[in-house]
Amino acid sequence: MATVQELEEFGMLLSPENCFLTKSQQICSIDITASWRLESPSDYCLFVSTQTEPLKCWVNQTRGKITAHFKVNESVKFTLKASDGPFILEKRLTLYRQVKNLRKKRRNPWSFY
């Protein structure tokens, strides 16, 4: 699998794509690197579902890369859009929460005492 630095095929990569929270954590604080590559040069903007303004825009480019720090409490969608059209590429940062204590019970079910 290609890393963000080695994006050779057309598409978009996020690194990392997941954030894991323990029971006590409410906010995911994470640095995300987004990288994209397309065949045709144009004006593109990268949007984040938690913001109305674009995270970054590129003029007459076929590829782009950005690293930004995020504090989120839900999954976030990253969308690359052309200035003259609908979205082109989309990736999701998925947030996972620990909801169950994984500790094993001390008493075995067959024990009477």
C-alpha atoms as a PDB file:
ATOM      1  CA  MET A   1       0.000   0.000   0.000  1.00  0.00           C
ATOM      2  CA  ALA A   2       1.285   3.464  -0.868  1.00  0.00           C
ATOM      3  CA  THR A   3       2.056   5.895   1.897  1.00  0.00           C
ATOM      4  CA  VAL A   4       1.004   9.532   1.821  1.00  0.00           C
ATOM      5  CA  GLN A   5       4.446  10.536   0.549  1.00  0.00           C
ATOM      6  CA  GLU A   6       4.355   7.933  -2.258  1.00  0.00           C
ATOM      7  CA  LEU A   7       0.919   8.569  -3.763  1.00  0.00           C
ATOM      8  CA  GLU A   8       1.591   7.290  -7.283  1.00  0.00           C
ATOM      9  CA  GLU A   9      -1.935   6.402  -8.369  1.00  0.00           C
ATOM     10  CA  PHE A  10      -4.912   8.706  -8.646  1.00  0.00           C
ATOM     11  CA  GLY A  11      -6.918   9.090  -5.462  1.00  0.00           C
ATOM     12  CA  MET A  12      -6.722  10.418  -1.924  1.00  0.00           C
ATOM     13  CA  LEU A  13      -5.050   9.123   1.238  1.00  0.00           C
ATOM     14  CA  LEU A  14      -5.490  10.064   4.876  1.00  0.00           C
ATOM     15  CA  SER A  15      -2.932   9.190   7.492  1.00  0.00           C
ATOM     16  CA  PRO A  16      -4.035   8.045   9.981  1.00  0.00           C
ATOM     17  CA  GLU A  17      -7.584   7.021   9.033  1.00  0.00           C
ATOM     18  CA  ASN A  18      -8.666   6.004  12.558  1.00  0.00           C
ATOM     19  CA  CYS A  19      -8.641   7.455  16.055  1.00  0.00           C
ATOM     20  CA  PHE A  20      -9.227   5.266  19.116  1.00  0.00           C
ATOM     21  CA  LEU A  21     -10.600   6.685  22.370  1.00  0.00           C
ATOM     22  CA  THR A  22     -10.667   5.017  25.754  1.00  0.00           C
ATOM     23  CA  LYS A  23     -13.703   5.245  28.035  1.00  0.00           C
ATOM     24  CA  SER A  24     -12.288   8.286  29.817  1.00  0.00           C
ATOM     25  CA  GLN A  25     -11.441  10.251  26.640  1.00  0.00           C
ATOM     26  CA  GLN A  26     -14.002  12.568  25.035  1.00  0.00           C
ATOM     27  CA  ILE A  27     -11.916  14.291  22.345  1.00  0.00           C
ATOM     28  CA  CYS A  28      -9.553  12.892  19.736  1.00  0.00           C
ATOM     29  CA  SER A  29      -6.554  15.193  19.307  1.00  0.00           C
ATOM     30  CA  ILE A  30      -4.675  14.122  16.191  1.00  0.00           C
ATOM     31  CA  ASP A  31      -2.426  15.331  13.353  1.00  0.00           C
ATOM     32  CA  ILE A  32      -3.829  14.266   9.981  1.00  0.00           C
ATOM     33  CA  THR A  33      -2.021  14.284   6.649  1.00  0.00           C
ATOM     34  CA  ALA A  34      -4.220  14.370   3.556  1.00  0.00           C
ATOM     35  CA  SER A  35      -2.694  13.747   0.148  1.00  0.00           C
ATOM     36  CA  TRP A  36      -4.391  13.569  -3.249  1.00  0.00           C
ATOM     37  CA  ARG A  37      -3.541  13.120  -6.915  1.00  0.00           C
ATOM     38  CA  LEU A  38      -5.706  13.532 -10.025  1.00  0.00           C
ATOM     39  CA  GLU A  39      -5.131  13.292 -13.756  1.00  0.00           C
ATOM     40  CA  SER A  40      -6.351  16.733 -14.869  1.00  0.00           C
ATOM     41  CA  PRO A  41      -4.961  19.995 -13.520  1.00  0.00           C
ATOM     42  CA  SER A  42      -7.641  22.285 -12.102  1.00  0.00           C
ATOM     43  CA  ASP A  43      -8.551  24.333  -9.047  1.00  0.00           C
ATOM     44  CA  TYR A  44      -9.348  22.033  -6.100  1.00  0.00           C
ATOM     45  CA  CYS A  45     -10.320  22.616  -2.478  1.00  0.00           C
ATOM     46  CA  LEU A  46     -10.221  20.214   0.458  1.00  0.00           C
ATOM     47  CA  PHE A  47     -13.215  20.473   2.793  1.00  0.00           C
ATOM     48  CA  VAL A  48     -13.741  18.989   6.252  1.00  0.00           C
ATOM     49  CA  SER A  49     -17.265  18.096   7.395  1.00  0.00           C
ATOM     50  CA  THR A  50     -16.815  20.030  10.665  1.00  0.00           C
ATOM     51  CA  GLN A  51     -16.009  23.331   8.879  1.00  0.00           C
ATOM     52  CA  THR A  52     -17.827  25.477   6.315  1.00  0.00           C
ATOM     53  CA  GLU A  53     -14.686  27.010   4.815  1.00  0.00           C
ATOM     54  CA  PRO A  54     -12.171  24.891   2.871  1.00  0.00           C
ATOM     55  CA  LEU A  55      -9.155  23.598   4.754  1.00  0.00           C
ATOM     56  CA  LYS A  56      -6.938  24.428   1.769  1.00  0.00           C
ATOM     57  CA  CYS A  57      -7.266  25.221  -1.941  1.00  0.00           C
ATOM     58  CA  TRP A  58      -4.850  24.549  -4.799  1.00  0.00           C
ATOM     59  CA  VAL A  59      -4.784  26.419  -8.134  1.00  0.00           C
ATOM     60  CA  ASN A  60      -4.166  24.553 -11.418  1.00  0.00           C
ATOM     61  CA  GLN A  61      -2.685  21.479  -9.689  1.00  0.00           C
ATOM     62  CA  THR A  62      -2.830  17.699 -10.166  1.00  0.00           C
ATOM     63  CA  ARG A  63      -1.747  16.840  -6.613  1.00  0.00           C
ATOM     64  CA  GLY A  64      -1.677  18.286  -3.143  1.00  0.00           C
ATOM     65  CA  LYS A  65      -0.774  17.546   0.448  1.00  0.00           C
ATOM     66  CA  ILE A  66      -1.585  19.126   3.797  1.00  0.00           C
ATOM     67  CA  THR A  67      -1.008  18.266   7.454  1.00  0.00           C
ATOM     68  CA  ALA A  68      -3.296  19.772  10.072  1.00  0.00           C
ATOM     69  CA  HIS A  69      -4.128  19.247  13.741  1.00  0.00           C
ATOM     70  CA  PHE A  70      -7.706  18.320  14.648  1.00  0.00           C
ATOM     71  CA  LYS A  71      -9.662  17.944  17.872  1.00  0.00           C
ATOM     72  CA  VAL A  72     -12.833  15.991  17.130  1.00  0.00           C
ATOM     73  CA  ASN A  73     -15.492  14.105  19.066  1.00  0.00           C
ATOM     74  CA  GLU A  74     -17.063  12.343  16.055  1.00  0.00           C
ATOM     75  CA  SER A  75     -16.017  10.858  12.718  1.00  0.00           C
ATOM     76  CA  VAL A  76     -14.957  13.460  10.141  1.00  0.00           C
ATOM     77  CA  LYS A  77     -15.331  13.405   6.357  1.00  0.00           C
ATOM     78  CA  PHE A  78     -12.637  14.929   4.098  1.00  0.00           C
ATOM     79  CA  THR A  79     -13.891  15.917   0.634  1.00  0.00           C
ATOM     80  CA  LEU A  80     -11.887  17.166  -2.345  1.00  0.00           C
ATOM     81  CA  LYS A  81     -13.976  19.342  -4.682  1.00  0.00           C
ATOM     82  CA  ALA A  82     -13.249  21.005  -7.994  1.00  0.00           C
ATOM     83  CA  SER A  83     -14.064  24.699  -8.116  1.00  0.00           C
ATOM     84  CA  ASP A  84     -16.466  24.130 -11.010  1.00  0.00           C
ATOM     85  CA  GLY A  85     -18.121  20.870 -10.010  1.00  0.00           C
ATOM     86  CA  PRO A  86     -19.238  18.373  -7.400  1.00  0.00           C
ATOM     87  CA  PHE A  87     -16.974  16.488  -5.024  1.00  0.00           C
ATOM     88  CA  ILE A  88     -14.343  14.267  -6.591  1.00  0.00           C
ATOM     89  CA  LEU A  89     -12.727  12.338  -3.752  1.00  0.00           C
ATOM     90  CA  GLU A  90     -13.825  11.545  -0.237  1.00  0.00           C
ATOM     91  CA  LYS A  91     -12.188   9.892   2.784  1.00  0.00           C
ATOM     92  CA  ARG A  92     -13.274   9.504   6.398  1.00  0.00           C
ATOM     93  CA  LEU A  93     -11.428   9.752   9.695  1.00  0.00           C
ATOM     94  CA  THR A  94     -13.272   7.172  11.793  1.00  0.00           C
ATOM     95  CA  LEU A  95     -13.538   7.609  15.543  1.00  0.00           C
ATOM     96  CA  TYR A  96     -13.731   4.472  17.674  1.00  0.00           C
ATOM     97  CA  ARG A  97     -14.757   4.568  21.329  1.00  0.00           C
ATOM     98  CA  GLN A  98     -14.159   1.863  23.925  1.00  0.00           C
ATOM     99  CA  VAL A  99     -17.595   1.082  25.290  1.00  0.00           C
ATOM    100  CA  LYS A 100     -16.969  -2.150  27.135  1.00  0.00           C
ATOM    101  CA  ASN A 101     -14.429  -2.987  29.781  1.00  0.00           C
ATOM    102  CA  LEU A 102     -12.318  -5.796  28.365  1.00  0.00           C
ATOM    103  CA  ARG A 103     -11.165  -7.101  31.733  1.00  0.00           C
ATOM    104  CA  LYS A 104     -11.913 -10.758  32.387  1.00  0.00           C
ATOM    105  CA  LYS A 105     -14.238 -11.639  35.261  1.00  0.00           C
ATOM    106  CA  ARG A 106     -12.513 -13.100  38.299  1.00  0.00           C
ATOM    107  CA  ARG A 107     -15.068 -15.777  39.102  1.00  0.00           C
ATOM    108  CA  ASN A 108     -15.579 -18.673  36.725  1.00  0.00           C
ATOM    109  CA  PRO A 109     -19.224 -19.533  35.898  1.00  0.00           C
ATOM    110  CA  TRP A 110     -18.808 -23.073  37.279  1.00  0.00           C
ATOM    111  CA  SER A 111     -17.520 -21.861  40.679  1.00  0.00           C
ATOM    112  CA  PHE A 112     -20.006 -21.905  43.580  1.00  0.00           C
ATOM    113  CA  TYR A 113     -17.935 -19.855  46.035  1.00  0.00           C
END
